[in-house]
């Protein structure tokens, strides 16, 4: 028996969580750039964390959704 696909509710929940994480990633990038412009080295760290976290979540969601029938 094959794996069943995601239900509409599960797809909607994943989409909503992805939008929320994208919003926080954009906010992190904006704050990181502001800190970099203020010559604060912590801005680079915040920028890197925001980009790497969002990229990891994006890759994970895409690989899971492609594995579903």
N, C-alpha and C. Protein backbone atom coordinates (compact mmCIF):
# COMPACT_ATOMS: atom_id res chain seq x y z
N UNK A 1 0.84 -1.18 0.00
CA UNK A 1 0.00 0.00 0.00
C UNK A 1 0.89 1.24 0.00
N UNK A 2 0.62 2.16 -0.90
CA UNK A 2 1.41 3.37 -1.02
C UNK A 2 1.12 4.37 0.08
N UNK A 3 2.00 5.35 0.18
CA UNK A 3 1.79 6.41 1.16
C UNK A 3 0.69 7.35 0.68
N UNK A 4 -0.11 7.76 1.61
CA UNK A 4 -1.16 8.71 1.27
C UNK A 4 -0.58 10.12 1.25
N UNK A 5 -1.17 10.99 0.46
CA UNK A 5 -0.72 12.38 0.39
C UNK A 5 -1.22 13.20 1.56
N UNK A 6 -0.79 14.43 1.61
CA UNK A 6 -1.21 15.34 2.66
C UNK A 6 -2.67 15.71 2.48
N UNK A 7 -3.36 15.92 3.59
CA UNK A 7 -4.73 16.41 3.51
C UNK A 7 -4.69 17.91 3.25
N UNK A 8 -5.84 18.46 2.91
CA UNK A 8 -5.92 19.91 2.66
C UNK A 8 -5.55 20.70 3.91
N UNK A 9 -5.96 20.20 5.08
CA UNK A 9 -5.65 20.89 6.34
C UNK A 9 -4.14 20.89 6.61
N UNK A 10 -3.49 19.76 6.34
CA UNK A 10 -2.05 19.68 6.55
C UNK A 10 -1.31 20.61 5.59
N UNK A 11 -1.73 20.64 4.35
CA UNK A 11 -1.10 21.55 3.38
C UNK A 11 -1.28 23.00 3.80
N UNK A 12 -2.48 23.34 4.26
CA UNK A 12 -2.75 24.71 4.69
C UNK A 12 -1.91 25.07 5.92
N UNK A 13 -1.77 24.12 6.84
CA UNK A 13 -0.96 24.38 8.03
C UNK A 13 0.50 24.58 7.70
N UNK A 14 1.03 23.76 6.80
CA UNK A 14 2.43 23.91 6.38
C UNK A 14 2.63 25.23 5.67
N UNK A 15 1.69 25.60 4.82
CA UNK A 15 1.78 26.87 4.09
C UNK A 15 1.76 28.05 5.06
N UNK A 16 0.89 27.98 6.06
CA UNK A 16 0.80 29.06 7.05
C UNK A 16 2.09 29.16 7.86
N UNK A 17 2.63 28.03 8.31
CA UNK A 17 3.87 28.05 9.07
C UNK A 17 5.04 28.54 8.21
N UNK A 18 5.05 28.18 6.93
CA UNK A 18 6.10 28.67 6.05
C UNK A 18 6.01 30.18 5.86
N UNK A 19 4.81 30.70 5.77
CA UNK A 19 4.65 32.15 5.65
C UNK A 19 5.12 32.86 6.91
N UNK A 20 4.83 32.28 8.07
CA UNK A 20 5.26 32.88 9.33
C UNK A 20 6.79 32.86 9.43
N UNK A 21 7.41 31.73 9.08
CA UNK A 21 8.87 31.67 9.14
C UNK A 21 9.50 32.61 8.11
N UNK A 22 8.86 32.78 6.96
CA UNK A 22 9.37 33.72 5.96
C UNK A 22 9.31 35.15 6.49
N UNK A 23 8.23 35.48 7.19
CA UNK A 23 8.10 36.81 7.78
C UNK A 23 9.22 37.06 8.79
N UNK A 24 9.46 36.08 9.67
CA UNK A 24 10.52 36.24 10.67
C UNK A 24 11.90 36.29 10.01
N UNK A 25 12.09 35.56 8.92
CA UNK A 25 13.37 35.60 8.21
C UNK A 25 13.59 36.98 7.60
N UNK A 26 12.55 37.55 7.01
CA UNK A 26 12.67 38.90 6.43
C UNK A 26 12.96 39.92 7.53
N UNK A 27 12.27 39.81 8.66
CA UNK A 27 12.54 40.72 9.78
C UNK A 27 13.97 40.56 10.28
N UNK A 28 14.46 39.32 10.37
CA UNK A 28 15.83 39.08 10.79
C UNK A 28 16.83 39.67 9.82
N UNK A 29 16.54 39.56 8.53
CA UNK A 29 17.44 40.13 7.53
C UNK A 29 17.46 41.65 7.63
N UNK A 30 16.29 42.25 7.80
CA UNK A 30 16.22 43.71 7.91
C UNK A 30 16.98 44.20 9.14
N UNK A 31 16.74 43.55 10.28
CA UNK A 31 17.45 43.96 11.51
C UNK A 31 18.94 43.70 11.37
N UNK A 32 19.31 42.59 10.73
CA UNK A 32 20.74 42.30 10.51
C UNK A 32 21.41 43.37 9.66
N UNK A 33 20.74 43.78 8.60
CA UNK A 33 21.31 44.83 7.74
C UNK A 33 21.42 46.15 8.49
N UNK A 34 20.42 46.47 9.29
CA UNK A 34 20.48 47.70 10.10
C UNK A 34 21.66 47.64 11.06
N UNK A 35 21.85 46.48 11.71
CA UNK A 35 22.99 46.35 12.64
C UNK A 35 24.32 46.44 11.91
N UNK A 36 24.38 45.87 10.71
CA UNK A 36 25.62 45.96 9.93
C UNK A 36 25.91 47.42 9.56
N UNK A 37 24.86 48.16 9.19
CA UNK A 37 25.04 49.58 8.86
C UNK A 37 25.48 50.40 10.06
N UNK A 38 25.12 49.92 11.26
CA UNK A 38 25.53 50.61 12.50
C UNK A 38 26.90 50.10 12.99
N UNK A 39 27.59 49.32 12.16
CA UNK A 39 28.92 48.76 12.46
C UNK A 39 28.89 47.85 13.68
N UNK A 40 27.84 47.05 13.79
CA UNK A 40 27.74 46.07 14.86
C UNK A 40 27.99 44.69 14.23
N UNK A 41 28.97 43.98 14.76
CA UNK A 41 29.34 42.67 14.19
C UNK A 41 28.24 41.63 14.39
N UNK A 42 27.37 41.83 15.35
CA UNK A 42 26.28 40.89 15.57
C UNK A 42 25.28 40.85 14.43
N UNK A 43 25.27 41.88 13.61
CA UNK A 43 24.39 41.91 12.45
C UNK A 43 24.71 40.81 11.46
N UNK A 44 26.00 40.52 11.29
CA UNK A 44 26.39 39.45 10.37
C UNK A 44 25.91 38.10 10.88
N UNK A 45 25.99 37.91 12.19
CA UNK A 45 25.53 36.65 12.77
C UNK A 45 24.01 36.51 12.61
N UNK A 46 23.28 37.56 12.89
CA UNK A 46 21.83 37.52 12.74
C UNK A 46 21.43 37.29 11.28
N UNK A 47 22.14 37.92 10.38
CA UNK A 47 21.87 37.74 8.95
C UNK A 47 22.13 36.29 8.53
N UNK A 48 23.24 35.73 8.98
CA UNK A 48 23.57 34.34 8.63
C UNK A 48 22.55 33.37 9.22
N UNK A 49 22.17 33.56 10.47
CA UNK A 49 21.20 32.67 11.10
C UNK A 49 19.87 32.74 10.37
N UNK A 50 19.42 33.93 10.03
CA UNK A 50 18.14 34.09 9.35
C UNK A 50 18.14 33.39 7.99
N UNK A 51 19.19 33.60 7.22
CA UNK A 51 19.27 33.02 5.88
C UNK A 51 19.40 31.50 5.95
N UNK A 52 20.27 30.99 6.81
CA UNK A 52 20.48 29.54 6.89
C UNK A 52 19.24 28.82 7.43
N UNK A 53 18.58 29.40 8.42
CA UNK A 53 17.37 28.77 8.96
C UNK A 53 16.26 28.73 7.91
N UNK A 54 16.05 29.84 7.22
CA UNK A 54 14.97 29.87 6.22
C UNK A 54 15.29 28.90 5.07
N UNK A 55 16.55 28.86 4.65
CA UNK A 55 16.94 27.96 3.57
C UNK A 55 16.73 26.49 3.98
N UNK A 56 17.08 26.16 5.21
CA UNK A 56 16.88 24.80 5.70
C UNK A 56 15.41 24.41 5.75
N UNK A 57 14.58 25.32 6.21
CA UNK A 57 13.14 25.05 6.26
C UNK A 57 12.58 24.90 4.85
N UNK A 58 13.01 25.75 3.94
CA UNK A 58 12.54 25.68 2.55
C UNK A 58 12.91 24.35 1.90
N UNK A 59 14.16 23.93 2.07
CA UNK A 59 14.61 22.67 1.49
C UNK A 59 13.87 21.49 2.10
N UNK A 60 13.68 21.52 3.41
CA UNK A 60 12.98 20.43 4.09
C UNK A 60 11.54 20.31 3.61
N UNK A 61 10.83 21.41 3.54
CA UNK A 61 9.42 21.38 3.11
C UNK A 61 9.32 20.90 1.67
N UNK A 62 10.21 21.39 0.80
CA UNK A 62 10.18 20.96 -0.60
C UNK A 62 10.48 19.47 -0.75
N UNK A 63 11.44 18.96 0.00
CA UNK A 63 11.78 17.54 -0.14
C UNK A 63 10.67 16.65 0.41
N UNK A 64 10.01 17.08 1.48
CA UNK A 64 8.90 16.30 2.03
C UNK A 64 7.72 16.32 1.07
N UNK A 65 7.41 17.49 0.52
CA UNK A 65 6.26 17.57 -0.37
C UNK A 65 6.49 16.81 -1.68
N UNK A 66 7.72 16.76 -2.16
CA UNK A 66 8.00 16.01 -3.39
C UNK A 66 7.96 14.51 -3.14
N UNK A 67 8.17 14.08 -1.89
CA UNK A 67 8.13 12.66 -1.57
C UNK A 67 6.70 12.15 -1.47
N UNK A 68 5.75 13.06 -1.32
CA UNK A 68 4.34 12.67 -1.22
C UNK A 68 3.80 12.39 -2.62
N UNK A 69 2.88 11.46 -2.74
CA UNK A 69 2.31 11.15 -4.06
C UNK A 69 1.39 12.25 -4.56
